Protein backbone atom coordinates (compact mmCIF):
# COMPACT_ATOMS: atom_id res chain seq x y z
CA MET A 1 93.73 76.10 72.12
CA VAL A 2 92.64 77.68 75.36
CA VAL A 3 89.20 79.06 75.75
CA VAL A 4 88.76 82.28 77.02
CA PRO A 5 85.52 83.70 78.87
CA LEU A 6 83.49 86.26 76.73
CA LEU A 7 83.24 88.18 79.64
CA GLY A 8 83.09 91.71 78.60
CA ALA A 9 81.62 90.93 75.77
CA LEU A 10 78.43 89.62 77.26
CA SER A 11 77.65 92.29 79.95
CA LEU A 12 78.10 94.76 76.84
CA ALA A 13 75.61 92.12 74.87
CA ALA A 14 73.61 92.09 77.45
CA CYS A 15 72.50 95.92 77.80
CA THR A 16 69.03 96.09 76.71
CA ALA A 17 69.54 99.75 75.28
CA ALA A 18 69.60 100.11 71.25
CA GLY A 19 72.31 102.78 70.45
CA SER A 20 72.83 104.61 67.06
CA ASP A 21 75.79 106.13 65.60
CA ASP A 22 74.39 109.38 66.55
CA ASP A 23 73.25 108.47 69.92
CA PRO A 24 75.45 105.84 71.36
CA SER A 25 73.49 105.37 74.50
CA GLY A 26 74.01 101.75 74.38
CA PRO A 27 75.29 98.66 71.64
CA VAL A 28 75.65 99.68 68.84
CA SER A 29 75.51 97.13 66.03
CA ILE A 30 78.77 97.36 63.58
CA ASP A 31 77.56 93.99 61.43
CA GLN A 32 76.28 95.81 58.41
CA ASP A 33 77.28 95.89 54.60
CA TRP A 34 79.95 98.49 54.97
CA SER A 35 80.77 98.20 51.15
CA GLU A 36 77.21 100.38 50.37
CA ALA A 37 78.36 103.26 52.69
CA ASP A 38 80.01 106.71 51.92
CA PRO A 39 83.12 106.68 50.74
CA ILE A 40 85.71 108.06 53.57
CA THR A 41 89.38 108.16 53.99
CA VAL A 42 90.79 107.24 57.32
CA ASP A 43 93.74 108.97 59.21
CA VAL A 44 96.17 105.70 60.72
CA TYR A 45 98.38 107.32 62.62
CA ASP A 46 100.64 104.05 63.03
CA GLY A 47 103.96 104.08 64.83
CA LEU A 48 104.70 100.59 63.56
CA ALA A 49 104.76 101.86 59.36
CA ASN A 50 107.34 102.21 57.20
CA TYR A 51 105.20 104.00 54.58
CA MET A 52 103.65 107.30 54.05
CA GLY A 53 100.49 107.59 52.18
CA ILE A 54 97.69 105.97 51.15
CA GLN A 55 97.74 102.49 51.16
CA GLY A 56 97.46 100.92 47.67
CA GLY A 57 97.31 98.03 45.85
CA TRP A 58 95.45 94.68 46.55
CA PHE A 59 95.23 95.44 50.38
CA GLY A 60 93.85 98.57 50.25
CA LYS A 61 91.66 97.16 47.51
CA ILE A 62 89.98 94.27 49.65
CA VAL A 63 89.69 97.62 52.68
CA LYS A 64 88.06 99.85 49.86
CA ASP A 65 85.94 96.97 48.96
CA LYS A 66 84.91 95.82 52.10
CA PHE A 67 84.64 98.60 54.29
CA ASN A 68 84.51 101.26 51.28
CA MET A 69 87.54 103.15 52.81
CA GLU A 70 90.93 104.35 52.23
CA LEU A 71 93.65 104.38 54.61
CA ASN A 72 96.11 107.54 54.45
CA ILE A 73 98.78 106.23 56.76
CA ILE A 74 100.97 108.93 59.13
CA ALA A 75 104.23 107.07 59.72
CA PRO A 76 106.32 108.64 62.23
CA ASN A 77 109.25 106.16 60.82
CA VAL A 78 109.02 107.70 57.89
CA ALA A 79 108.89 111.40 59.02
CA GLY A 80 112.28 111.14 60.71
CA GLY A 81 111.67 108.72 63.84
CA GLY A 82 111.36 110.18 67.37
CA ASP A 83 108.15 111.57 68.98
CA THR A 84 107.92 114.33 67.15
CA LEU A 85 105.09 113.80 64.80
CA TYR A 86 103.12 112.07 67.37
CA ASN A 87 103.87 115.23 70.21
CA THR A 88 103.19 117.31 67.51
CA ARG A 89 99.61 115.79 66.16
CA VAL A 90 98.46 114.89 70.48
CA SER A 91 99.59 118.95 71.11
CA GLY A 92 97.13 120.10 67.86
CA GLY A 93 94.15 117.59 69.73
CA GLU A 94 94.18 114.96 66.95
CA LEU A 95 96.61 111.56 66.10
CA GLY A 96 94.29 110.02 63.77
CA ASP A 97 91.10 107.96 63.46
CA LEU A 98 92.48 105.19 63.82
CA VAL A 99 96.35 104.74 65.59
CA VAL A 100 98.32 102.17 66.52
CA VAL A 101 100.49 103.33 69.30
CA ASP A 102 102.50 101.93 71.93
CA LYS A 103 100.28 100.39 75.26
CA GLY A 104 101.16 102.48 78.17
CA ARG A 105 102.18 105.79 78.25
CA GLN A 106 101.34 106.76 74.79
CA MET A 107 98.01 105.16 76.06
CA ASP A 108 97.44 106.53 78.82
CA GLU A 109 98.47 110.08 77.36
CA LEU A 110 95.94 109.88 74.64
CA VAL A 111 92.74 108.32 77.04
CA GLU A 112 93.77 111.13 79.74
CA GLY A 113 93.72 113.66 76.67
CA GLY A 114 90.52 112.52 74.85
CA LEU A 115 91.72 111.38 71.85
CA LEU A 116 90.86 107.93 72.36
CA LEU A 117 87.21 106.72 71.41
CA ASP A 118 85.83 104.67 74.35
CA ALA A 119 84.27 101.68 71.84
CA SER A 120 82.35 100.05 74.90
CA ASP A 121 79.22 100.81 72.64
CA TYR A 122 80.40 98.52 69.78
CA TYR A 123 82.49 96.05 71.64
CA GLY A 124 79.53 93.62 72.46
CA SER A 125 78.86 93.11 68.33
CA MET A 126 83.20 92.38 67.82
CA THR A 127 83.01 89.31 67.38
CA ASN A 128 86.04 88.44 66.23
CA VAL A 129 87.93 90.26 69.01
CA SER A 130 85.54 88.91 71.50
CA PRO A 131 87.70 85.53 71.89
CA PHE A 132 90.53 87.56 73.35
CA ASP A 133 88.38 89.39 76.05
CA THR A 134 90.95 88.88 78.39
CA ALA A 135 93.80 90.62 76.80
CA VAL A 136 91.01 93.62 75.99
CA GLN A 137 89.41 93.74 79.53
CA HIS A 138 93.49 93.40 80.99
CA LEU A 139 94.24 96.21 78.32
CA ASN A 140 91.53 98.92 79.31
CA GLU A 141 91.27 97.68 83.32
CA GLY A 142 91.26 101.27 85.47
CA LYS A 143 90.07 103.47 82.60
CA GLU A 144 86.22 102.96 82.85
CA GLY A 145 85.21 102.11 79.02
CA VAL A 146 87.28 99.97 75.83
CA TYR A 147 89.72 102.61 74.93
CA GLY A 148 92.08 99.97 73.04
CA PHE A 149 92.85 96.54 71.64
CA PRO A 150 96.06 93.92 72.50
CA THR A 151 97.68 92.95 69.78
CA SER A 152 99.75 89.80 68.88
CA VAL A 153 96.90 88.42 71.28
CA SER A 154 97.48 84.37 71.66
CA SER A 155 95.31 81.44 72.93
CA LEU A 156 99.31 79.59 73.52
CA LYS A 157 100.81 79.62 76.75
CA PRO A 158 103.06 82.54 78.05
CA THR A 159 105.61 80.07 78.76
CA GLU A 160 105.65 78.44 75.13
CA SER A 161 107.84 80.58 72.76
CA SER A 162 105.31 83.02 70.66
CA GLU A 163 107.80 82.97 67.63
CA GLY A 164 107.67 79.90 66.03
CA ILE A 165 109.75 78.18 63.33
CA ASP A 166 112.33 81.01 63.78
CA PRO A 167 113.40 82.99 66.33
CA THR A 168 113.05 86.60 66.44
CA PHE A 169 116.94 87.53 66.71
CA GLY A 170 119.71 85.29 65.65
CA PRO A 171 123.36 85.11 64.59
CA TYR A 172 122.35 84.41 60.69
CA LEU A 173 124.89 84.30 58.04
CA ARG A 174 125.29 83.91 54.82
CA TRP A 175 125.28 80.73 54.86
CA ASP A 176 126.58 79.52 51.52
CA LEU A 177 129.71 81.61 51.65
CA TYR A 178 130.15 80.00 55.49
CA ALA A 179 130.20 76.46 54.23
CA ASP A 180 132.82 78.00 51.43
CA ALA A 181 134.97 78.87 54.88
CA GLY A 182 134.81 75.61 56.01
CA TYR A 183 131.98 76.15 58.39
CA PRO A 184 134.29 77.31 60.97
CA GLU A 185 132.82 77.07 64.83
CA ILE A 186 131.80 79.92 66.27
CA GLY A 187 132.78 80.13 70.26
CA THR A 188 131.54 83.58 70.98
CA LEU A 189 130.20 86.91 69.51
CA GLU A 190 133.63 88.21 69.01
CA ASP A 191 134.49 84.88 67.14
CA LEU A 192 132.25 86.13 64.01
CA LEU A 193 134.93 88.62 63.58
CA PRO A 194 137.62 86.68 61.56
CA ILE A 195 135.01 84.25 60.03
CA LEU A 196 133.00 87.30 58.29
CA LYS A 197 136.64 88.33 57.38
CA THR A 198 137.30 85.30 55.79
CA MET A 199 133.69 85.43 53.76
CA GLN A 200 133.80 89.23 52.97
CA ASP A 201 137.63 88.67 51.06
CA ALA A 202 137.14 85.35 49.36
CA HIS A 203 133.53 87.48 48.09
CA PRO A 204 134.37 91.34 47.79
CA GLN A 205 132.00 91.90 45.32
CA THR A 206 128.22 90.59 44.42
CA ASP A 207 128.27 89.04 40.68
CA ASP A 208 127.49 92.31 39.17
CA GLY A 209 129.70 93.96 40.68
CA LYS A 210 128.31 95.95 43.77
CA PRO A 211 130.33 95.98 47.04
CA VAL A 212 129.80 93.49 49.80
CA HIS A 213 130.02 94.05 53.72
CA ALA A 214 130.11 91.88 56.44
CA ILE A 215 127.64 94.27 58.55
CA SER A 216 125.29 97.09 57.32
CA LEU A 217 123.87 99.28 59.93
CA PHE A 218 121.24 101.92 59.89
CA LYS A 219 119.83 104.61 62.22
CA ASP A 220 116.25 105.28 61.69
CA TRP A 221 114.99 102.75 63.96
CA ASP A 222 117.41 104.04 67.15
CA GLY A 223 115.20 104.90 70.36
CA ASN A 224 116.63 104.75 74.19
CA MET A 225 120.31 103.52 72.40
CA MET A 226 121.28 102.33 68.83
CA VAL A 227 118.77 99.80 67.26
CA THR A 228 121.79 97.91 65.77
CA ALA A 229 123.79 97.51 69.15
CA LYS A 230 121.11 96.28 71.20
CA GLN A 231 120.86 93.04 68.57
CA PRO A 232 123.94 90.99 70.00
CA ALA A 233 122.86 91.28 73.58
CA THR A 234 119.76 89.17 72.77
CA LEU A 235 121.83 86.33 71.70
CA TYR A 236 122.95 86.43 75.21
CA GLY A 237 119.15 86.20 76.17
CA TYR A 238 118.93 90.25 77.35
CA ASP A 239 116.24 92.80 75.89
CA GLU A 240 115.66 96.54 76.65
CA MET A 241 114.26 98.24 79.11
CA GLY A 242 114.73 101.61 78.92
CA PHE A 243 118.34 102.67 79.63
CA VAL A 244 118.49 98.77 81.26
CA LEU A 245 119.40 95.16 79.68
CA ALA A 246 117.43 92.75 81.29
CA LYS A 247 118.13 88.95 80.99
CA ALA A 248 114.95 86.75 80.26
CA ASP A 249 114.85 84.87 83.18
CA GLY A 250 115.57 87.59 85.89
CA SER A 251 119.23 86.65 86.71
CA ASP A 252 120.70 89.59 85.62
CA TYR A 253 120.33 93.59 85.10
CA GLN A 254 122.47 95.71 83.03
CA SER A 255 122.64 99.78 82.79
CA ILE A 256 123.56 100.15 79.17
CA VAL A 257 126.34 102.82 79.69
CA ASP A 258 128.06 100.48 81.84
CA PRO A 259 131.71 99.38 80.54
CA ASP A 260 131.60 95.77 81.48
CA SER A 261 127.68 95.64 79.53
CA GLN A 262 126.37 93.92 76.56
CA TYR A 263 125.29 97.20 74.78
CA VAL A 264 128.90 98.44 74.99
CA ARG A 265 130.71 94.81 73.85
CA SER A 266 128.20 95.28 70.94
CA LEU A 267 129.73 98.76 70.48
CA LYS A 268 133.37 97.36 70.25
CA PHE A 269 132.18 94.35 68.22
CA TYR A 270 131.16 96.75 65.97
CA PHE A 271 135.01 99.05 66.41
CA ASP A 272 136.28 95.85 65.51
CA ALA A 273 134.80 94.72 62.58
CA ASN A 274 135.43 98.65 61.15
CA GLN A 275 138.93 98.32 61.54
CA LEU A 276 138.92 95.37 59.92
CA GLY A 277 136.84 97.01 56.94
CA LEU A 278 133.86 95.28 57.64
CA VAL A 279 131.11 97.66 58.43
CA ASP A 280 129.41 99.48 55.65
CA PRO A 281 130.66 102.60 55.33
CA GLU A 282 126.98 104.09 54.54
CA SER A 283 125.71 103.17 57.64
CA THR A 284 125.89 105.87 59.16
CA THR A 285 123.28 107.78 56.42
CA GLN A 286 121.31 104.86 55.01
CA ASN A 287 117.85 104.14 55.96
CA TYR A 288 116.00 100.73 57.03
CA ASP A 289 114.99 100.86 53.67
CA THR A 290 118.30 101.55 51.82
CA MET A 291 120.02 98.69 53.65
CA PHE A 292 117.16 96.34 53.26
CA ALA A 293 117.84 96.82 49.20
CA LYS A 294 121.51 95.38 50.14
CA TYR A 295 120.89 92.51 51.45
CA GLN A 296 118.14 92.02 48.67
CA ALA A 297 121.17 92.19 46.65
CA GLY A 298 123.68 90.13 48.47
CA GLN A 299 125.90 93.23 49.76
CA VAL A 300 125.48 92.09 53.46
CA LEU A 301 126.59 88.78 54.84
CA LEU A 302 125.53 89.27 58.68
CA SER A 303 121.61 89.74 59.72
CA TRP A 304 120.57 89.48 63.87
CA TRP A 305 117.63 89.02 62.41
CA PRO A 306 115.34 86.27 60.20
CA TRP A 307 113.11 88.38 59.63
CA LEU A 308 115.70 90.43 57.68
CA GLY A 309 118.45 88.35 55.80
CA GLN A 310 116.01 85.44 54.69
CA SER A 311 113.14 87.76 53.71
CA ALA A 312 115.85 89.70 51.42
CA TYR A 313 117.45 87.20 49.87
CA ASN A 314 116.31 83.91 50.30
CA THR A 315 114.32 83.64 47.40
CA GLU A 316 113.13 80.55 45.76
CA GLN A 317 116.13 81.43 42.62
CA ASN A 318 118.51 82.11 45.29
CA MET A 319 117.99 79.35 47.60
CA ALA A 320 117.70 76.32 44.64
CA ASP A 321 121.41 77.48 43.57
CA GLY A 322 122.08 76.99 47.45
CA LYS A 323 122.57 80.85 48.45
CA GLY A 324 120.49 82.30 52.12
CA PHE A 325 120.73 83.13 55.52
CA GLU A 326 120.80 80.25 57.68
CA LEU A 327 121.28 80.59 61.63
CA ALA A 328 124.53 80.33 62.01
CA PRO A 329 124.92 79.32 66.27
CA LEU A 330 127.46 80.46 68.38
CA GLN A 331 128.16 78.08 71.25
CA ASP A 332 127.78 79.98 74.04
CA GLN A 333 124.31 81.56 73.19
CA LYS A 334 121.17 81.56 74.90
CA VAL A 335 119.01 83.06 72.40
CA PHE A 336 116.17 85.83 73.68
CA SER A 337 112.48 84.44 73.18
CA TYR A 338 109.38 86.01 73.71
CA GLY A 339 106.64 84.09 75.17
CA ALA A 340 103.26 83.81 73.75
CA GLU A 341 101.60 87.02 75.92
CA VAL A 342 98.01 86.49 77.64
CA TYR A 343 97.29 89.72 77.47
CA GLY A 344 98.30 90.94 74.18
CA GLY A 345 102.11 92.67 72.81
CA LYS A 346 103.42 96.23 73.22
CA GLN A 347 101.18 97.79 70.52
CA ILE A 348 97.75 98.77 70.67
CA ILE A 349 94.95 99.77 68.21
CA GLY A 350 92.53 102.21 68.73
CA ILE A 351 89.68 104.77 67.28
CA GLY A 352 90.29 108.42 67.34
CA SER A 353 87.12 110.42 69.21
CA GLY A 354 87.31 112.45 66.47
CA ALA A 355 86.69 109.75 64.00
CA GLU A 356 83.78 110.58 61.59
CA ASP A 357 81.96 106.92 61.55
CA PRO A 358 83.53 105.32 64.29
CA ALA A 359 81.22 102.01 63.97
CA ARG A 360 82.62 101.38 60.73
CA LEU A 361 86.17 101.57 62.05
CA ALA A 362 85.02 99.67 64.86
CA ALA A 363 84.13 96.94 62.31
CA PHE A 364 87.34 97.25 60.46
CA VAL A 365 89.15 96.45 63.50
CA ASP A 366 87.11 93.57 64.42
CA TRP A 367 87.82 92.51 60.87
CA LEU A 368 91.64 92.38 61.40
CA TYR A 369 90.84 89.47 63.76
CA SER A 370 89.08 87.58 61.90
CA PRO A 371 90.81 84.89 60.06
CA GLU A 372 90.32 87.37 56.42
CA GLY A 373 91.75 89.71 58.46
CA ILE A 374 94.76 88.02 60.06
CA LEU A 375 96.24 86.06 56.88
CA ALA A 376 95.92 90.29 54.95
CA SER A 377 97.12 92.57 57.33
CA ALA A 378 99.03 90.21 59.16
CA SER A 379 103.08 91.79 59.29
CA GLU A 380 104.17 90.30 56.01
CA THR A 381 108.10 89.11 58.04
CA GLN A 382 106.02 86.86 60.43
CA GLY A 383 105.25 84.39 57.37
CA ALA A 384 101.80 86.07 56.55
CA ALA A 385 100.02 84.58 53.65
CA GLY A 386 98.20 87.08 52.03
CA PRO A 387 94.14 86.43 50.99
CA GLU A 388 92.75 83.16 50.51
CA GLY A 389 92.03 83.30 46.45
CA LEU A 390 95.14 85.23 45.71
CA THR A 391 98.16 83.80 47.15
CA TRP A 392 96.57 80.98 48.79
CA GLU A 393 93.41 78.39 48.52
CA LYS A 394 92.77 74.91 50.28
CA GLY A 395 93.40 71.71 48.73
CA GLU A 396 91.81 68.63 47.87
CA ASP A 397 92.49 67.92 52.19
CA GLY A 398 91.33 70.92 53.20
CA ALA A 399 94.78 72.20 53.93
CA PRO A 400 96.19 75.25 52.91
CA VAL A 401 98.39 75.44 49.38
CA PHE A 402 100.10 78.42 47.60
CA THR A 403 98.09 79.18 43.97
CA ASP A 404 100.68 79.48 41.57
CA PHE A 405 100.38 83.22 42.05
CA GLY A 406 101.31 83.08 45.93
CA THR A 407 104.33 80.83 45.00
CA LYS A 408 105.52 83.26 42.57
CA ALA A 409 104.58 86.64 44.93
CA ILE A 410 105.69 85.03 48.24
CA LEU A 411 108.34 82.49 47.82
CA GLU A 412 109.70 83.69 44.36
CA GLY A 413 110.40 87.32 45.44
CA GLY A 414 107.58 89.03 43.37
CA ALA A 415 104.91 89.00 41.18
CA ASP A 416 102.50 91.89 39.89
CA VAL A 417 98.67 91.23 41.11
CA PRO A 418 95.84 90.39 38.79
CA ALA A 419 94.06 93.64 38.09
CA GLU A 420 90.74 92.23 40.14
CA TRP A 421 92.73 92.29 42.92
CA GLY A 422 94.35 95.78 42.65
CA GLY A 423 97.05 95.26 40.69
CA GLY A 424 100.76 95.99 41.07
CA ALA A 425 103.67 94.55 42.72
CA TYR A 426 102.89 92.36 45.37
CA LYS A 427 104.79 93.56 47.74
CA ASP A 428 103.87 97.07 47.29
CA GLY A 429 100.09 96.03 48.15
CA VAL A 430 101.21 94.82 51.22
CA SER A 431 99.34 95.97 54.40
CA ALA A 432 100.98 99.15 55.86
CA LEU A 433 99.69 98.80 59.24
CA ASN A 434 102.90 95.95 60.33
CA VAL A 435 100.95 94.66 62.88
CA SER A 436 99.89 91.15 63.81
CA THR A 437 96.39 90.97 65.63
CA VAL A 438 96.93 87.51 66.67
CA LEU A 439 100.25 85.28 66.78
CA PRO A 440 100.81 84.23 63.13
CA ILE A 441 101.72 80.67 65.32
CA ASP A 442 97.71 80.70 66.09
CA GLU A 443 95.42 78.12 64.07
CA ASN A 444 93.33 79.71 61.98
CA PRO A 445 89.77 77.92 62.46
CA ASP A 446 88.81 77.93 59.23
CA THR A 447 91.89 75.23 57.98
CA GLY A 448 93.12 73.98 61.28
CA TYR A 449 96.41 74.86 60.27
CA PRO A 450 98.49 78.02 61.81
CA TYR A 451 97.90 81.53 60.01
CA SER A 452 101.87 81.43 59.03
CA TYR A 453 102.22 79.69 56.47
CA LYS A 454 105.96 78.16 57.27
CA TYR A 455 103.69 75.55 59.26
CA TRP A 456 101.91 74.27 56.67
CA PRO A 457 102.78 70.99 55.30
CA SER A 458 102.58 72.11 51.37
CA TYR A 459 105.45 74.40 52.35
CA GLN A 460 107.69 72.65 54.39
CA GLU A 461 107.44 69.55 51.83
CA THR A 462 107.73 72.18 48.63
CA THR A 463 110.92 74.35 50.62
CA SER A 464 113.39 71.90 50.81
CA ASN A 465 116.31 73.37 48.61
CA PRO A 466 119.97 72.78 48.37
CA LEU A 467 120.43 75.44 50.88
CA THR A 468 118.14 74.49 53.53
CA ASP A 469 118.91 70.81 53.28
CA ASP A 470 122.33 71.61 53.61
CA TRP A 471 121.64 73.74 56.77
CA THR A 472 119.70 71.11 58.31
CA SER A 473 122.51 67.71 57.57
CA HIS A 474 124.86 70.26 59.29
CA MET A 475 123.25 70.87 62.31
CA GLY A 476 122.11 67.14 63.02
CA ASP A 477 118.00 67.41 61.12
CA PRO A 478 116.54 69.60 63.22
CA ALA A 479 112.92 69.97 61.90
CA SER A 480 113.63 74.01 62.42
CA THR A 481 115.70 76.74 63.85
CA MET A 482 113.40 77.02 66.78
CA ASP A 483 114.06 73.36 67.09
CA TYR A 484 117.96 73.17 66.78
CA LEU A 485 117.63 75.64 69.29
CA GLN A 486 115.41 74.38 71.97
CA GLN A 487 117.38 70.88 71.69
CA ASN A 488 120.56 72.37 71.91
CA ASP A 489 119.54 74.71 75.30
CA GLN A 490 120.31 77.81 73.74
CA VAL A 491 116.98 79.79 73.55
CA VAL A 492 115.43 81.52 76.81
CA VAL A 493 112.17 82.26 76.96
CA ALA A 494 110.88 85.09 78.53
CA PRO A 495 106.72 84.52 79.93
CA GLY A 496 104.26 86.76 77.97
CA ALA A 497 103.45 89.16 80.60
CA SER A 498 102.43 91.97 78.34
CA PHE A 499 103.86 94.20 80.94
CA THR A 500 103.12 98.10 80.38
CA THR A 501 106.13 100.05 81.58
CA PRO A 502 104.58 103.13 83.32
CA THR A 503 104.62 106.63 82.10
CA ASP A 504 107.75 108.52 82.47
CA SER A 505 106.72 111.51 84.77
CA SER A 506 107.58 114.83 82.96
CA GLU A 507 111.14 114.92 84.63
CA ILE A 508 112.32 111.67 83.77
CA GLU A 509 110.76 112.23 80.34
CA ALA A 510 112.93 115.53 79.76
CA ILE A 511 116.45 113.23 81.12
CA ARG A 512 115.53 110.54 79.00
CA SER A 513 115.85 112.79 75.91
CA GLN A 514 118.89 114.63 76.71
CA VAL A 515 120.87 111.56 77.48
CA LYS A 516 119.18 108.67 74.48
CA ALA A 517 120.46 111.64 72.27
CA THR A 518 123.63 111.73 73.24
CA ILE A 519 124.24 107.60 74.01
CA ILE A 520 122.96 107.43 70.18
CA GLU A 521 125.40 110.12 69.38
CA HIS A 522 128.44 108.87 71.03
CA SER A 523 127.64 105.34 70.02
CA TRP A 524 127.82 105.82 66.52
CA LYS A 525 131.15 107.60 67.29
CA MET A 526 132.66 104.80 69.00
CA VAL A 527 131.71 102.15 65.97
CA PHE A 528 133.53 104.46 63.66
CA ALA A 529 136.33 105.70 66.10
CA LYS A 530 140.08 105.34 64.44
CA ASP A 531 141.54 103.61 67.31
CA ASP A 532 140.66 101.68 70.71
CA ALA A 533 142.30 105.74 72.80
CA GLU A 534 139.13 107.22 70.67
CA PHE A 535 136.61 104.47 71.14
CA ASP A 536 138.04 104.76 74.48
CA ALA A 537 137.82 108.55 75.27
CA LEU A 538 134.37 108.45 73.80
CA LEU A 539 132.94 105.95 76.04
CA ALA A 540 134.10 107.99 79.00
CA GLN A 541 132.73 111.36 77.66
CA MET A 542 129.46 109.40 76.78
CA GLN A 543 129.28 108.26 80.28
CA SER A 544 130.59 111.82 82.15
CA THR A 545 127.95 113.36 80.18
CA VAL A 546 124.90 111.13 80.83
CA ASP A 547 125.96 111.51 84.51
CA GLY A 548 126.01 115.25 84.54
CA LEU A 549 122.46 115.12 82.63
CA GLY A 550 121.01 113.00 85.46
CA TYR A 551 120.98 109.70 83.87
CA ALA A 552 120.98 107.64 87.51
CA THR A 553 118.09 108.89 87.54
CA VAL A 554 116.47 107.63 85.04
CA LEU A 555 118.32 104.60 85.47
CA GLU A 556 116.72 104.29 88.93
CA PHE A 557 113.11 104.05 87.23
CA ASP A 558 114.15 101.50 84.73
CA MET A 559 115.95 99.25 86.64
CA ALA A 560 112.40 99.22 88.72
CA ASN A 561 110.56 98.63 85.86
CA ALA A 562 112.83 95.66 84.64
CA LYS A 563 112.54 93.95 87.81
CA ALA A 564 108.58 94.69 87.62
CA GLN A 565 108.27 93.24 84.62
CA ASN A 566 110.05 90.15 85.92
CA ASP A 567 107.57 89.78 88.52
CA ALA A 568 104.74 90.00 86.50
CA ARG A 569 106.46 87.26 84.03
CA VAL A 570 107.04 84.99 87.24
CA ALA A 571 103.27 85.28 87.93
CA VAL A 572 102.23 84.65 84.30
CA ALA A 573 104.03 81.81 84.16
CA LYS A 574 102.51 80.53 87.24
CA GLU A 575 98.59 81.65 86.71
CA PHE A 576 98.44 80.57 82.65
CA GLY A 577 101.69 78.09 82.82
């Protein structure tokens, strides 16, 4: 493990003035029993949350018991997506008591607008955050204070994948149905279509009569582009930077509206799929939650994310029956992988300047970086193990093992939580923050094993099942999906430089708003075009319209940012190895 110097923490702790909550003229201790404090409700504006309202269930009870605090989650994803809710609340002078927002533009705006608290006086006693002081200092560089705390921090090298056993992206198919089709080789992206057609034709309905579609899409995460049309580009090493697709190794940069771009290729892939009857017709109207339920019900055959298909469908019972999602590699793939972020990920946690009890919120934020907090609050899609004593415990050798309840709740598809832990369904009590403060593959100092249960020996020993056994034997006995990709030179790591995208100027922001709306609208129409001629006409119309709106101006800005990001990746790889 890399030992990070605690420069900021020590310099703050060295101050001799003893401040108070009312007059924080110096360091303020957050080390107290907050469970005895007066109850408060905290508004949490969270750009990653997929739930709106009071956090309930077991996580809500932990927060209540430790801090006598309720979290009122305010989620733009639920309130219609986009920046509308953010802009409305910022204009009103208060975003939230606690915020989870993008670093860069959003954080800069909030600091400049006086909406974030300078937590310098509390930082000196935030002992769980302090090991990541390098990331904290880098995030707040030039801001004359500690206004934000980085997420997804890590002690790993930036050239190492941050993703652990599974990549973030990949072509995941219902492996059992792929096996039924004879494990056909998939040369390239387009070769998926006849295979998916064979699979869907052989299994047009679930066992209970629900329609099966090879592909199901959703709209509520669309940003600069149609989000599900960006995903296939990641199989070839690209990720987005505004309207640019940039390759992880810096070898290529594409405008997404270029007819030869990976983005347009993806739209054509979906169009061809729809012509074959493979795309769920409800894709244009459903949200992520509705689509996720279809994955759970076995109604979808392809997932671009392991944490979608596998988390929804790979229950212990399904896998025991030989059913589930596994990576079915394209022969020409080079899957994009995010390197561990020395300076943290894309989101930050901040305390609102109007918060009524900032010391308590600083204590809560610090707790989120403790082993207990990491395990309880980490994003469920990344192997979050839940709280010790409920879902897992230390075995005789000190290694973590699931409890019977944890096995049912996390591996078998769900369970009701005991009353003393808050009651209700386990999944309903999962942290709505949907953020990982520390990478799940980092080591938990309390156990000596990674936070992610997928690395625990006990989990790996008990998860052998007909599905994974068949995949492993067919793929040459790799230790994991990532191991397979690395062995076959099918992954490319973008070094974790924690690059912060510069804030859009008002001109760029205005143009981008119109352009992205046009791109998204035309993209969806292209997928569901009636024939090739209409697809081509819509593409030409999209290109012409965005050009008229000033697309070139924003593209130049995004292209410069993409290249600056690559420069930062090169530099961080050189500095940290």
